PDB file of N, CA and C in Angstrom:
ATOM      1  N   LEU A   1     -19.245 -29.824  28.238  1.00  0.00           N
ATOM      2  CA  LEU A   1     -18.329 -29.004  27.358  1.00  0.00           C
ATOM      3  C   LEU A   1     -17.907 -27.891  28.209  1.00  0.00           C
ATOM      4  N   ALA A   2     -16.661 -27.556  28.453  1.00  0.00           N
ATOM      5  CA  ALA A   2     -16.128 -26.605  28.973  1.00  0.00           C
ATOM      6  C   ALA A   2     -15.963 -25.311  28.348  1.00  0.00           C
ATOM      7  N   LEU A   3     -16.079 -24.143  28.758  1.00  0.00           N
ATOM      8  CA  LEU A   3     -15.954 -22.982  28.236  1.00  0.00           C
ATOM      9  C   LEU A   3     -14.402 -22.806  27.559  1.00  0.00           C
ATOM     10  N   GLY A   4     -14.198 -22.453  26.410  1.00  0.00           N
ATOM     11  CA  GLY A   4     -12.759 -22.321  25.994  1.00  0.00           C
ATOM     12  C   GLY A   4     -12.369 -23.770  25.378  1.00  0.00           C
ATOM     13  N   SER A   5     -13.151 -24.833  25.493  1.00  0.00           N
ATOM     14  CA  SER A   5     -12.629 -26.246  25.114  1.00  0.00           C
ATOM     15  C   SER A   5     -12.857 -26.307  23.533  1.00  0.00           C
ATOM     16  N   GLY A   6     -13.491 -25.384  22.979  1.00  0.00           N
ATOM     17  CA  GLY A   6     -14.016 -25.597  21.646  1.00  0.00           C
ATOM     18  C   GLY A   6     -13.380 -24.579  20.705  1.00  0.00           C
ATOM     19  N   PRO A   7     -13.653 -24.498  19.344  1.00  0.00           N
ATOM     20  CA  PRO A   7     -13.335 -23.276  18.618  1.00  0.00           C
ATOM     21  C   PRO A   7     -14.151 -22.106  18.767  1.00  0.00           C
ATOM     22  N   LEU A   8     -13.490 -21.066  18.765  1.00  0.00           N
ATOM     23  CA  LEU A   8     -14.289 -19.625  18.918  1.00  0.00           C
ATOM     24  C   LEU A   8     -15.048 -19.529  17.685  1.00  0.00           C
ATOM     25  N   GLU A   9     -16.370 -18.906  17.596  1.00  0.00           N
ATOM     26  CA  GLU A   9     -17.189 -18.620  16.410  1.00  0.00           C
ATOM     27  C   GLU A   9     -17.576 -17.147  16.658  1.00  0.00           C
ATOM     28  N   GLU A  10     -17.430 -16.512  15.679  1.00  0.00           N
ATOM     29  CA  GLU A  10     -17.725 -15.167  15.564  1.00  0.00           C
ATOM     30  C   GLU A  10     -19.426 -15.140  15.627  1.00  0.00           C
ATOM     31  N   VAL A  11     -19.945 -14.031  16.391  1.00  0.00           N
ATOM     32  CA  VAL A  11     -21.147 -13.611  16.354  1.00  0.00           C
ATOM     33  C   VAL A  11     -21.581 -12.300  15.884  1.00  0.00           C
ATOM     34  N   LEU A  12     -22.292 -12.421  14.839  1.00  0.00           N
ATOM     35  CA  LEU A  12     -22.496 -11.022  14.128  1.00  0.00           C
ATOM     36  C   LEU A  12     -23.836 -10.506  14.760  1.00  0.00           C
ATOM     37  N   ILE A  13     -23.891  -9.348  15.035  1.00  0.00           N
ATOM     38  CA  ILE A  13     -24.987  -8.694  15.662  1.00  0.00           C
ATOM     39  C   ILE A  13     -25.478  -7.560  14.621  1.00  0.00           C
ATOM     40  N   ASP A  14     -26.851  -7.548  14.328  1.00  0.00           N
ATOM     41  CA  ASP A  14     -27.261  -6.422  13.486  1.00  0.00           C
ATOM     42  C   ASP A  14     -28.487  -5.787  14.420  1.00  0.00           C
ATOM     43  N   ARG A  15     -28.810  -4.587  14.320  1.00  0.00           N
ATOM     44  CA  ARG A  15     -29.838  -3.780  15.054  1.00  0.00           C
ATOM     45  C   ARG A  15     -30.909  -3.417  14.122  1.00  0.00           C
ATOM     46  N   ILE A  16     -32.153  -3.456  14.609  1.00  0.00           N
ATOM     47  CA  ILE A  16     -33.192  -2.972  13.658  1.00  0.00           C
ATOM     48  C   ILE A  16     -33.679  -1.485  14.751  1.00  0.00           C
ATOM     49  N   SER A  17     -33.299  -0.432  13.988  1.00  0.00           N
ATOM     50  CA  SER A  17     -33.554   0.741  14.966  1.00  0.00           C
ATOM     51  C   SER A  17     -34.082   1.821  13.828  1.00  0.00           C
ATOM     52  N   PRO A  18     -34.970   2.709  14.231  1.00  0.00           N
ATOM     53  CA  PRO A  18     -35.451   3.782  13.482  1.00  0.00           C
ATOM     54  C   PRO A  18     -34.368   4.690  12.976  1.00  0.00           C
ATOM     55  N   HIS A  19     -33.311   4.701  13.851  1.00  0.00           N
ATOM     56  CA  HIS A  19     -32.177   5.452  13.263  1.00  0.00           C
ATOM     57  C   HIS A  19     -31.324   4.872  11.936  1.00  0.00           C
ATOM     58  N   ASP A  20     -31.653   3.526  11.858  1.00  0.00           N
ATOM     59  CA  ASP A  20     -30.871   3.027  10.790  1.00  0.00           C
ATOM     60  C   ASP A  20     -31.842   2.754   9.527  1.00  0.00           C
ATOM     61  N   ALA A  21     -33.036   3.347   9.590  1.00  0.00           N
ATOM     62  CA  ALA A  21     -34.075   2.997   8.713  1.00  0.00           C
ATOM     63  C   ALA A  21     -34.537   4.549   8.044  1.00  0.00           C
ATOM     64  N   THR A  22     -33.765   4.899   7.173  1.00  0.00           N
ATOM     65  CA  THR A  22     -33.974   6.356   6.684  1.00  0.00           C
ATOM     66  C   THR A  22     -34.551   6.649   5.418  1.00  0.00           C
ATOM     67  N   LEU A  23     -34.896   5.444   4.655  1.00  0.00           N
ATOM     68  CA  LEU A  23     -35.137   5.567   3.163  1.00  0.00           C
ATOM     69  C   LEU A  23     -36.561   6.448   2.994  1.00  0.00           C
ATOM     70  N   LEU A  24     -37.403   6.110   3.810  1.00  0.00           N
ATOM     71  CA  LEU A  24     -38.892   6.905   3.798  1.00  0.00           C
ATOM     72  C   LEU A  24     -38.720   8.327   4.303  1.00  0.00           C
ATOM     73  N   VAL A  25     -37.821   8.387   5.460  1.00  0.00           N
ATOM     74  CA  VAL A  25     -37.643   9.654   5.935  1.00  0.00           C
ATOM     75  C   VAL A  25     -37.010  10.699   4.895  1.00  0.00           C
ATOM     76  N   THR A  26     -36.001  10.314   4.053  1.00  0.00           N
ATOM     77  CA  THR A  26     -35.270  11.180   3.187  1.00  0.00           C
ATOM     78  C   THR A  26     -36.185  11.139   1.937  1.00  0.00           C
ATOM     79  N   ALA A  27     -37.175  10.226   1.874  1.00  0.00           N
ATOM     80  CA  ALA A  27     -37.916  10.451   0.607  1.00  0.00           C
ATOM     81  C   ALA A  27     -39.220  11.229   0.851  1.00  0.00           C
ATOM     82  N   GLY A  28     -39.305  11.918   1.909  1.00  0.00           N
ATOM     83  CA  GLY A  28     -40.420  12.687   2.289  1.00  0.00           C
ATOM     84  C   GLY A  28     -41.484  12.300   3.161  1.00  0.00           C
ATOM     85  N   GLY A  29     -41.233  11.255   3.807  1.00  0.00           N
ATOM     86  CA  GLY A  29     -42.053  10.623   4.787  1.00  0.00           C
ATOM     87  C   GLY A  29     -42.287  11.283   6.074  1.00  0.00           C
ATOM     88  N   GLY A  30     -41.426  12.050   6.496  1.00  0.00           N
ATOM     89  CA  GLY A  30     -41.433  12.735   7.799  1.00  0.00           C
ATOM     90  C   GLY A  30     -40.193  12.963   8.436  1.00  0.00           C
ATOM     91  N   GLY A  31     -40.088  13.815   9.206  1.00  0.00           N
ATOM     92  CA  GLY A  31     -38.936  14.002   9.978  1.00  0.00           C
ATOM     93  C   GLY A  31     -38.786  13.309  11.187  1.00  0.00           C
ATOM     94  N   ALA A  32     -39.118  13.770  12.653  1.00  0.00           N
ATOM     95  CA  ALA A  32     -39.132  12.849  13.778  1.00  0.00           C
ATOM     96  C   ALA A  32     -40.311  12.284  13.553  1.00  0.00           C
ATOM     97  N   VAL A  33     -40.336  10.879  13.384  1.00  0.00           N
ATOM     98  CA  VAL A  33     -41.353  10.041  13.245  1.00  0.00           C
ATOM     99  C   VAL A  33     -41.992   9.388  14.282  1.00  0.00           C
ATOM    100  N   LEU A  34     -41.463   9.066  15.402  1.00  0.00           N
ATOM    101  CA  LEU A  34     -41.922   8.409  16.391  1.00  0.00           C
ATOM    102  C   LEU A  34     -42.745   9.466  17.429  1.00  0.00           C
ATOM    103  N   ALA A  35     -43.898   9.245  17.695  1.00  0.00           N
ATOM    104  CA  ALA A  35     -44.526  10.049  18.846  1.00  0.00           C
ATOM    105  C   ALA A  35     -44.314   9.560  20.137  1.00  0.00           C
ATOM    106  N   GLY A  36     -44.037   8.337  20.169  1.00  0.00           N
ATOM    107  CA  GLY A  36     -43.617   7.651  21.529  1.00  0.00           C
ATOM    108  C   GLY A  36     -42.439   8.325  22.347  1.00  0.00           C
ATOM    109  N   THR A  37     -41.551   9.004  21.401  1.00  0.00           N
ATOM    110  CA  THR A  37     -40.591   9.765  22.229  1.00  0.00           C
ATOM    111  C   THR A  37     -40.808  10.955  23.003  1.00  0.00           C
ATOM    112  N   ALA A  38     -41.829  11.555  22.910  1.00  0.00           N
ATOM    113  CA  ALA A  38     -42.350  12.646  23.595  1.00  0.00           C
ATOM    114  C   ALA A  38     -42.546  12.326  24.878  1.00  0.00           C
ATOM    115  N   PHE A  39     -42.827  13.141  25.817  1.00  0.00           N
ATOM    116  CA  PHE A  39     -43.031  13.166  27.254  1.00  0.00           C
ATOM    117  C   PHE A  39     -42.389  12.098  27.773  1.00  0.00           C
ATOM    118  N   ALA A  40     -40.986  12.134  27.721  1.00  0.00           N
ATOM    119  CA  ALA A  40     -40.327  11.050  28.482  1.00  0.00           C
ATOM    120  C   ALA A  40     -40.410   9.611  28.074  1.00  0.00           C
ATOM    121  N   GLY A  41     -40.850   9.574  26.806  1.00  0.00           N
ATOM    122  CA  GLY A  41     -41.028   8.054  26.283  1.00  0.00           C
ATOM    123  C   GLY A  41     -42.496   7.568  26.359  1.00  0.00           C
ATOM    124  N   PHE A  42     -43.260   8.421  27.041  1.00  0.00           N
ATOM    125  CA  PHE A  42     -44.672   7.944  27.088  1.00  0.00           C
ATOM    126  C   PHE A  42     -45.708   8.565  26.045  1.00  0.00           C
ATOM    127  N   GLY A  43     -45.189   9.441  25.160  1.00  0.00           N
ATOM    128  CA  GLY A  43     -46.136  10.137  24.198  1.00  0.00           C
ATOM    129  C   GLY A  43     -46.730   9.188  23.424  1.00  0.00           C
ATOM    130  N   GLY A  44     -46.685   7.746  23.325  1.00  0.00           N
ATOM    131  CA  GLY A  44     -47.289   6.852  22.441  1.00  0.00           C
ATOM    132  C   GLY A  44     -48.577   6.484  23.154  1.00  0.00           C
ATOM    133  N   PHE A  45     -48.500   6.683  24.454  1.00  0.00           N
ATOM    134  CA  PHE A  45     -49.725   6.285  25.286  1.00  0.00           C
ATOM    135  C   PHE A  45     -50.809   7.348  25.334  1.00  0.00           C
ATOM    136  N   LEU A  46     -50.361   8.514  24.757  1.00  0.00           N
ATOM    137  CA  LEU A  46     -51.440   9.474  24.998  1.00  0.00           C
ATOM    138  C   LEU A  46     -52.535   9.693  23.973  1.00  0.00           C
ATOM    139  N   SER A  47     -52.455   9.145  22.731  1.00  0.00           N
ATOM    140  CA  SER A  47     -53.526   9.199  21.854  1.00  0.00           C
ATOM    141  C   SER A  47     -53.426   7.678  21.054  1.00  0.00           C
ATOM    142  N   SER A  48     -54.776   7.514  20.547  1.00  0.00           N
ATOM    143  CA  SER A  48     -54.527   6.368  19.527  1.00  0.00           C
ATOM    144  C   SER A  48     -53.770   6.709  18.105  1.00  0.00           C
ATOM    145  N   ALA A  49     -53.769   8.077  17.810  1.00  0.00           N
ATOM    146  CA  ALA A  49     -53.200   8.491  16.607  1.00  0.00           C
ATOM    147  C   ALA A  49     -51.696   8.271  16.877  1.00  0.00           C
ATOM    148  N   ALA A  50     -51.005   8.506  17.986  1.00  0.00           N
ATOM    149  CA  ALA A  50     -49.783   8.343  18.398  1.00  0.00           C
ATOM    150  C   ALA A  50     -49.317   6.904  18.349  1.00  0.00           C
ATOM    151  N   ARG A  51     -50.313   5.977  18.847  1.00  0.00           N
ATOM    152  CA  ARG A  51     -50.010   4.700  18.834  1.00  0.00           C
ATOM    153  C   ARG A  51     -49.935   3.996  17.454  1.00  0.00           C
ATOM    154  N   GLU A  52     -50.915   4.645  16.728  1.00  0.00           N
ATOM    155  CA  GLU A  52     -50.874   4.112  15.321  1.00  0.00           C
ATOM    156  C   GLU A  52     -49.769   4.531  14.459  1.00  0.00           C
ATOM    157  N   ASN A  53     -49.415   5.799  14.748  1.00  0.00           N
ATOM    158  CA  ASN A  53     -48.204   6.311  14.081  1.00  0.00           C
ATOM    159  C   ASN A  53     -46.796   5.464  14.252  1.00  0.00           C
ATOM    160  N   ASP A  54     -46.692   5.226  15.598  1.00  0.00           N
ATOM    161  CA  ASP A  54     -45.670   4.519  15.966  1.00  0.00           C
ATOM    162  C   ASP A  54     -45.592   2.857  15.532  1.00  0.00           C
ATOM    163  N   TYR A  55     -46.844   2.443  15.704  1.00  0.00           N
ATOM    164  CA  TYR A  55     -47.011   0.965  15.147  1.00  0.00           C
ATOM    165  C   TYR A  55     -46.690   0.889  13.615  1.00  0.00           C
ATOM    166  N   LEU A  56     -47.224   1.875  12.743  1.00  0.00           N
ATOM    167  CA  LEU A  56     -46.900   1.923  11.289  1.00  0.00           C
ATOM    168  C   LEU A  56     -45.367   2.069  10.975  1.00  0.00           C
ATOM    169  N   TRP A  57     -44.873   3.000  11.647  1.00  0.00           N
ATOM    170  CA  TRP A  57     -43.371   3.257  11.478  1.00  0.00           C
ATOM    171  C   TRP A  57     -42.645   2.091  11.908  1.00  0.00           C
ATOM    172  N   GLY A  58     -42.970   1.446  12.979  1.00  0.00           N
ATOM    173  CA  GLY A  58     -42.138   0.380  13.445  1.00  0.00           C
ATOM    174  C   GLY A  58     -42.284  -0.680  12.364  1.00  0.00           C
ATOM    175  N   ARG A  59     -43.435  -1.136  11.803  1.00  0.00           N
ATOM    176  CA  ARG A  59     -43.500  -1.957  10.610  1.00  0.00           C
ATOM    177  C   ARG A  59     -42.869  -1.571   9.458  1.00  0.00           C
ATOM    178  N   LEU A  60     -42.527  -0.492   8.998  1.00  0.00           N
ATOM    179  CA  LEU A  60     -42.073   0.364   7.749  1.00  0.00           C
ATOM    180  C   LEU A  60     -40.448   0.103   8.140  1.00  0.00           C
ATOM    181  N   HIS A  61     -40.061   0.554   9.369  1.00  0.00           N
ATOM    182  CA  HIS A  61     -38.432   0.403   9.723  1.00  0.00           C
ATOM    183  C   HIS A  61     -38.066  -1.019   9.585  1.00  0.00           C
ATOM    184  N   ALA A  62     -38.821  -1.788  10.256  1.00  0.00           N
ATOM    185  CA  ALA A  62     -38.398  -3.402  10.299  1.00  0.00           C
ATOM    186  C   ALA A  62     -38.385  -3.739   8.869  1.00  0.00           C
ATOM    187  N   ALA A  63     -39.246  -3.494   8.034  1.00  0.00           N
ATOM    188  CA  ALA A  63     -39.049  -4.110   6.629  1.00  0.00           C
ATOM    189  C   ALA A  63     -37.944  -3.582   5.818  1.00  0.00           C
ATOM    190  N   GLU A  64     -37.600  -2.157   6.021  1.00  0.00           N
ATOM    191  CA  GLU A  64     -36.437  -1.816   5.373  1.00  0.00           C
ATOM    192  C   GLU A  64     -35.212  -2.441   6.052  1.00  0.00           C
ATOM    193  N   ARG A  65     -35.100  -2.724   7.266  1.00  0.00           N
ATOM    194  CA  ARG A  65     -33.992  -3.217   7.838  1.00  0.00           C
ATOM    195  C   ARG A  65     -33.622  -4.600   7.452  1.00  0.00           C
ATOM    196  N   LEU A  66     -34.812  -5.302   7.579  1.00  0.00           N
ATOM    197  CA  LEU A  66     -34.739  -6.828   7.323  1.00  0.00           C
ATOM    198  C   LEU A  66     -34.252  -6.974   6.099  1.00  0.00           C
ATOM    199  N   ILE A  67     -34.915  -6.224   4.867  1.00  0.00           N
ATOM    200  CA  ILE A  67     -34.407  -6.535   3.617  1.00  0.00           C
ATOM    201  C   ILE A  67     -32.901  -6.172   3.357  1.00  0.00           C
ATOM    202  N   GLY A  68     -32.624  -5.127   4.201  1.00  0.00           N
ATOM    203  CA  GLY A  68     -31.058  -4.831   4.128  1.00  0.00           C
ATOM    204  C   GLY A  68     -30.208  -5.908   4.768  1.00  0.00           C
ATOM    205  N   LEU A  69     -30.711  -6.404   5.786  1.00  0.00           N
ATOM    206  CA  LEU A  69     -29.906  -7.390   6.601  1.00  0.00           C
ATOM    207  C   LEU A  69     -29.667  -8.735   5.634  1.00  0.00           C
ATOM    208  N   VAL A  70     -31.039  -8.994   5.157  1.00  0.00           N
ATOM    209  CA  VAL A  70     -30.848 -10.394   4.224  1.00  0.00           C
ATOM    210  C   VAL A  70     -30.042 -10.040   3.006  1.00  0.00           C
ATOM    211  N   ALA A  71     -29.992  -8.799   2.541  1.00  0.00           N
ATOM    212  CA  ALA A  71     -29.243  -8.609   1.245  1.00  0.00           C
ATOM    213  C   ALA A  71     -27.660  -8.478   1.661  1.00  0.00           C
ATOM    214  N   GLY A  72     -27.645  -8.178   2.726  1.00  0.00           N
ATOM    215  CA  GLY A  72     -26.099  -8.047   3.100  1.00  0.00           C
ATOM    216  C   GLY A  72     -25.598  -9.357   3.456  1.00  0.00           C
ATOM    217  N   ALA A  73     -26.346 -10.457   3.630  1.00  0.00           N
ATOM    218  CA  ALA A  73     -25.816 -11.872   3.754  1.00  0.00           C
ATOM    219  C   ALA A  73     -25.732 -12.487   2.538  1.00  0.00           C
ATOM    220  N   VAL A  74     -25.937 -11.764   1.234  1.00  0.00           N
ATOM    221  CA  VAL A  74     -25.640 -12.537   0.047  1.00  0.00           C
ATOM    222  C   VAL A  74     -24.563 -11.716  -0.595  1.00  0.00           C
ATOM    223  N   SER A  75     -23.586 -12.422  -1.158  1.00  0.00           N
ATOM    224  CA  SER A  75     -22.565 -11.722  -1.813  1.00  0.00           C
ATOM    225  C   SER A  75     -22.377 -12.742  -3.095  1.00  0.00           C
ATOM    226  N   GLY A  76     -21.520 -12.010  -4.081  1.00  0.00           N
ATOM    227  CA  GLY A  76     -21.244 -12.594  -5.188  1.00  0.00           C
ATOM    228  C   GLY A  76     -22.184 -12.268  -6.245  1.00  0.00           C
ATOM    229  N   PRO A  77     -22.198 -13.008  -7.479  1.00  0.00           N
ATOM    230  CA  PRO A  77     -22.849 -12.545  -8.690  1.00  0.00           C
ATOM    231  C   PRO A  77     -24.442 -12.455  -8.627  1.00  0.00           C
ATOM    232  N   GLY A  78     -24.877 -13.009  -7.514  1.00  0.00           N
ATOM    233  CA  GLY A  78     -26.381 -12.963  -7.450  1.00  0.00           C
ATOM    234  C   GLY A  78     -26.972 -11.960  -6.205  1.00  0.00           C
ATOM    235  N   ALA A  79     -26.073 -11.347  -5.769  1.00  0.00           N
ATOM    236  CA  ALA A  79     -26.318 -10.180  -5.054  1.00  0.00           C
ATOM    237  C   ALA A  79     -27.189  -9.050  -5.508  1.00  0.00           C
ATOM    238  N   PRO A  80     -28.195  -8.617  -4.883  1.00  0.00           N
ATOM    239  CA  PRO A  80     -28.922  -7.404  -5.464  1.00  0.00           C
ATOM    240  C   PRO A  80     -28.112  -6.198  -5.283  1.00  0.00           C
ATOM    241  N   ASP A  81     -28.527  -5.301  -6.567  1.00  0.00           N
ATOM    242  CA  ASP A  81     -27.835  -3.927  -6.468  1.00  0.00           C
ATOM    243  C   ASP A  81     -28.760  -2.992  -5.749  1.00  0.00           C
ATOM    244  N   GLU A  82     -28.317  -1.844  -5.676  1.00  0.00           N
ATOM    245  CA  GLU A  82     -28.946  -0.977  -4.687  1.00  0.00           C
ATOM    246  C   GLU A  82     -30.506  -0.670  -5.547  1.00  0.00           C
ATOM    247  N   ALA A  83     -30.456  -0.655  -6.824  1.00  0.00           N
ATOM    248  CA  ALA A  83     -31.805  -0.599  -7.495  1.00  0.00           C
ATOM    249  C   ALA A  83     -32.728  -1.585  -7.281  1.00  0.00           C
ATOM    250  N   GLU A  84     -32.349  -2.670  -7.279  1.00  0.00           N
ATOM    251  CA  GLU A  84     -33.159  -4.024  -6.808  1.00  0.00           C
ATOM    252  C   GLU A  84     -33.471  -3.927  -5.280  1.00  0.00           C
ATOM    253  N   LEU A  85     -32.614  -3.442  -4.550  1.00  0.00           N
ATOM    254  CA  LEU A  85     -32.890  -3.298  -3.060  1.00  0.00           C
ATOM    255  C   LEU A  85     -34.153  -2.299  -2.926  1.00  0.00           C
ATOM    256  N   ARG A  86     -33.872  -1.101  -3.564  1.00  0.00           N
ATOM    257  CA  ARG A  86     -34.885  -0.076  -3.488  1.00  0.00           C
ATOM    258  C   ARG A  86     -36.346  -0.651  -3.994  1.00  0.00           C
ATOM    259  N   ALA A  87     -36.385  -1.336  -5.083  1.00  0.00           N
ATOM    260  CA  ALA A  87     -37.722  -1.785  -5.557  1.00  0.00           C
ATOM    261  C   ALA A  87     -38.123  -2.900  -4.440  1.00  0.00           C
ATOM    262  N   PHE A  88     -37.221  -4.059  -3.878  1.00  0.00           N
ATOM    263  CA  PHE A  88     -37.639  -4.665  -2.968  1.00  0.00           C
ATOM    264  C   PHE A  88     -38.384  -3.949  -1.649  1.00  0.00           C
ATOM    265  N   ARG A  89     -37.516  -2.911  -1.323  1.00  0.00           N
ATOM    266  CA  ARG A  89     -38.311  -2.173  -0.221  1.00  0.00           C
ATOM    267  C   ARG A  89     -39.498  -1.372  -0.414  1.00  0.00           C
ATOM    268  N   LYS A  90     -39.658  -0.713  -1.705  1.00  0.00           N
ATOM    269  CA  LYS A  90     -40.929  -0.291  -2.198  1.00  0.00           C
ATOM    270  C   LYS A  90     -42.040  -0.975  -2.144  1.00  0.00           C
ATOM    271  N   ARG A  91     -41.648  -2.221  -2.766  1.00  0.00           N
ATOM    272  CA  ARG A  91     -42.838  -3.430  -2.658  1.00  0.00           C
ATOM    273  C   ARG A  91     -43.316  -3.661  -1.250  1.00  0.00           C
ATOM    274  N   ALA A  92     -42.359  -3.877  -0.284  1.00  0.00           N
ATOM    275  CA  ALA A  92     -42.636  -4.217   1.006  1.00  0.00           C
ATOM    276  C   ALA A  92     -43.576  -3.082   1.614  1.00  0.00           C
ATOM    277  N   PHE A  93     -43.108  -1.613   1.329  1.00  0.00           N
ATOM    278  CA  PHE A  93     -43.735  -0.613   2.108  1.00  0.00           C
ATOM    279  C   PHE A  93     -45.082  -0.558   1.445  1.00  0.00           C
ATOM    280  N   GLU A  94     -45.215  -0.771   0.047  1.00  0.00           N
ATOM    281  CA  GLU A  94     -46.782  -0.727  -0.522  1.00  0.00           C
ATOM    282  C   GLU A  94     -47.552  -1.925   0.075  1.00  0.00           C
ATOM    283  N   ALA A  95     -46.992  -2.909   0.289  1.00  0.00           N
ATOM    284  CA  ALA A  95     -47.825  -4.057   0.970  1.00  0.00           C
ATOM    285  C   ALA A  95     -48.194  -3.688   2.382  1.00  0.00           C
ATOM    286  N   ILE A  96     -47.337  -3.118   3.186  1.00  0.00           N
ATOM    287  CA  ILE A  96     -47.681  -2.778   4.639  1.00  0.00           C
ATOM    288  C   ILE A  96     -48.584  -1.767   4.613  1.00  0.00           C
ATOM    289  N   LEU A  97     -48.481  -0.518   3.766  1.00  0.00           N
ATOM    290  CA  LEU A  97     -49.606   0.509   3.667  1.00  0.00           C
ATOM    291  C   LEU A  97     -50.830  -0.238   3.217  1.00  0.00           C
ATOM    292  N   ASP A  98     -50.940  -0.939   2.196  1.00  0.00           N
ATOM    293  CA  ASP A  98     -52.038  -1.598   1.882  1.00  0.00           C
ATOM    294  C   ASP A  98     -52.825  -2.380   2.912  1.00  0.00           C
ATOM    295  N   GLU A  99     -52.080  -3.158   3.840  1.00  0.00           N
ATOM    296  CA  GLU A  99     -52.598  -3.889   4.737  1.00  0.00           C
ATOM    297  C   GLU A  99     -53.285  -3.223   5.877  1.00  0.00           C
ATOM    298  N   GLU A 100     -52.399  -2.157   6.139  1.00  0.00           N
ATOM    299  CA  GLU A 100     -52.792  -1.192   7.504  1.00  0.00           C
ATOM    300  C   GLU A 100     -53.763  -0.142   7.083  1.00  0.00           C
ATOM    301  N   ALA A 101     -54.033   0.240   6.040  1.00  0.00           N
ATOM    302  CA  ALA A 101     -54.990   1.222   5.444  1.00  0.00           C
ATOM    303  C   ALA A 101     -56.371   1.079   6.037  1.00  0.00           C
ATOM    304  N   ALA A 102     -56.757  -0.040   6.125  1.00  0.00           N
ATOM    305  CA  ALA A 102     -58.209  -0.334   6.697  1.00  0.00           C
ATOM    306  C   ALA A 102     -58.103  -0.332   8.331  1.00  0.00           C
ATOM    307  N   ARG A 103     -57.117  -0.646   8.863  1.00  0.00           N
ATOM    308  CA  ARG A 103     -57.108  -0.764  10.316  1.00  0.00           C
ATOM    309  C   ARG A 103     -56.595   0.482  10.993  1.00  0.00           C
ATOM    310  N   LEU A 104     -55.980   1.282  10.405  1.00  0.00           N
ATOM    311  CA  LEU A 104     -55.284   2.564  11.030  1.00  0.00           C
ATOM    312  C   LEU A 104     -56.157   3.595  10.782  1.00  0.00           C
ATOM    313  N   GLN A 105     -57.263   4.091  11.643  1.00  0.00           N
ATOM    314  CA  GLN A 105     -58.263   4.947  11.187  1.00  0.00           C
ATOM    315  C   GLN A 105     -57.772   6.310  11.879  1.00  0.00           C
ATOM    316  N   ALA A 106     -56.842   6.554  12.518  1.00  0.00           N
ATOM    317  CA  ALA A 106     -56.450   7.708  13.333  1.00  0.00           C
ATOM    318  C   ALA A 106     -55.450   8.652  12.665  1.00  0.00           C
ATOM    319  N   VAL A 107     -54.768   8.025  11.658  1.00  0.00           N
ATOM    320  CA  VAL A 107     -53.561   8.668  10.918  1.00  0.00           C
ATOM    321  C   VAL A 107     -53.788   8.636   9.419  1.00  0.00           C
ATOM    322  N   PRO A 108     -55.030   9.212   8.933  1.00  0.00           N
ATOM    323  CA  PRO A 108     -55.024   9.283   7.538  1.00  0.00           C
ATOM    324  C   PRO A 108     -54.148  10.062   6.697  1.00  0.00           C
ATOM    325  N   ALA A 109     -53.743  11.276   7.350  1.00  0.00           N
ATOM    326  CA  ALA A 109     -52.751  12.210   6.712  1.00  0.00           C
ATOM    327  C   ALA A 109     -51.335  11.433   6.654  1.00  0.00           C
ATOM    328  N   LEU A 110     -50.932  10.759   7.716  1.00  0.00           N
ATOM    329  CA  LEU A 110     -49.693   9.942   7.644  1.00  0.00           C
ATOM    330  C   LEU A 110     -49.766   8.937   6.495  1.00  0.00           C
ATOM    331  N   LEU A 111     -50.779   8.195   6.474  1.00  0.00           N
ATOM    332  CA  LEU A 111     -50.908   7.134   5.346  1.00  0.00           C
ATOM    333  C   LEU A 111     -50.761   7.762   4.003  1.00  0.00           C
ATOM    334  N   ALA A 112     -51.437   9.012   3.826  1.00  0.00           N
ATOM    335  CA  ALA A 112     -51.274   9.596   2.435  1.00  0.00           C
ATOM    336  C   ALA A 112     -49.757  10.315   2.137  1.00  0.00           C
ATOM    337  N   ARG A 113     -49.253  10.927   3.250  1.00  0.00           N
ATOM    338  CA  ARG A 113     -47.950  11.231   3.291  1.00  0.00           C
ATOM    339  C   ARG A 113     -46.871   9.987   2.732  1.00  0.00           C
ATOM    340  N   LEU A 114     -47.055   8.864   3.324  1.00  0.00           N
ATOM    341  CA  LEU A 114     -46.223   7.633   3.193  1.00  0.00           C
ATOM    342  C   LEU A 114     -46.314   7.112   1.888  1.00  0.00           C
ATOM    343  N   ARG A 115     -47.776   7.063   1.435  1.00  0.00           N
ATOM    344  CA  ARG A 115     -47.951   6.463   0.147  1.00  0.00           C
ATOM    345  C   ARG A 115     -47.303   7.415  -0.990  1.00  0.00           C
ATOM    346  N   ALA A 116     -47.137   8.706  -0.920  1.00  0.00           N
ATOM    347  CA  ALA A 116     -46.664   9.639  -1.825  1.00  0.00           C
ATOM    348  C   ALA A 116     -45.067   9.471  -1.773  1.00  0.00           C
ATOM    349  N   ALA A 117     -44.413   9.298  -0.372  1.00  0.00           N
ATOM    350  CA  ALA A 117     -43.101   9.040  -0.417  1.00  0.00           C
ATOM    351  C   ALA A 117     -42.829   7.794  -0.893  1.00  0.00           C
ATOM    352  N   VAL A 118     -43.665   6.790  -0.787  1.00  0.00           N
ATOM    353  CA  VAL A 118     -43.015   5.288  -1.461  1.00  0.00           C
ATOM    354  C   VAL A 118     -43.360   5.436  -3.091  1.00  0.00           C
ATOM    355  N   ALA A 119     -44.369   6.251  -3.299  1.00  0.00           N
ATOM    356  CA  ALA A 119     -44.529   6.424  -4.802  1.00  0.00           C
ATOM    357  C   ALA A 119     -43.216   7.157  -5.412  1.00  0.00           C
ATOM    358  N   ALA A 120     -42.546   7.955  -4.791  1.00  0.00           N
ATOM    359  CA  ALA A 120     -41.479   8.682  -5.230  1.00  0.00           C
ATOM    360  C   ALA A 120     -40.186   7.917  -5.340  1.00  0.00           C
ATOM    361  N   LEU A 121     -40.103   6.727  -4.686  1.00  0.00           N
ATOM    362  CA  LEU A 121     -38.902   5.864  -4.528  1.00  0.00           C
ATOM    363  C   LEU A 121     -38.613   5.330  -5.855  1.00  0.00           C
TER     364      LEU A 121
END
């Protein structure tokens, strides 16, 4: 099959970035959330608290974005509204925090702050 011999198909690209996942930040979860951005991108290597911080935020950001991406692919009468999406995200955040609470020992204040932010959603 030669290039250009078939129909062109549109390729959609979505990104998963902390810049696009803002629900918890605006709900009181924190301002600049990633420790790894300090010291020319090596801040995450400096302490276990920095690594745990960035790992947890990564999971939360991914959950928020993935729910948005999947919901964006659904249209029509069965599509979730903003209230349903917020509820889905809240349940995902709660599940992540519950799962990680026993493992992440270096960031208890972050876990408490995030639990309060999630409860406020």
